[in-house]
Amino acid sequence: MLTLSHDDGHVEGEIELHTGKAGQPWTVRLYSDGVREWTVTRSTSSEDGGGTLSVSRLLTHHAGVDAIKATAVNKMTGERCVVRATL
């Protein structure tokens, strides 16, 4: 799930993954209007039943509509998730 909101002249992008398996490393990338703005690798947690990953980041706010894309790749299995939203 990708959630977007305005935050003090920026766009806050938050992505949540629910895999059901704790300890899996995922590389998450956030793009704003086609430009990669952030990359991070995190592992799914064991909290709340396991397999949850949540990351958020402030992104550049451009004039007009902001097109945000998030990709997440499981480094163990190659599984891929892509979500897009506009604000």
Foldseek 3Di string as FASTA:
>chain_A
DWDWDDDPQWIKIKDKDADLAWFWKKWKWKDKPRHTDDIDIDTWHPPPNTRMDMDMDTHHDDPDKIKMKMKMAGPVPRDIDIDIDID
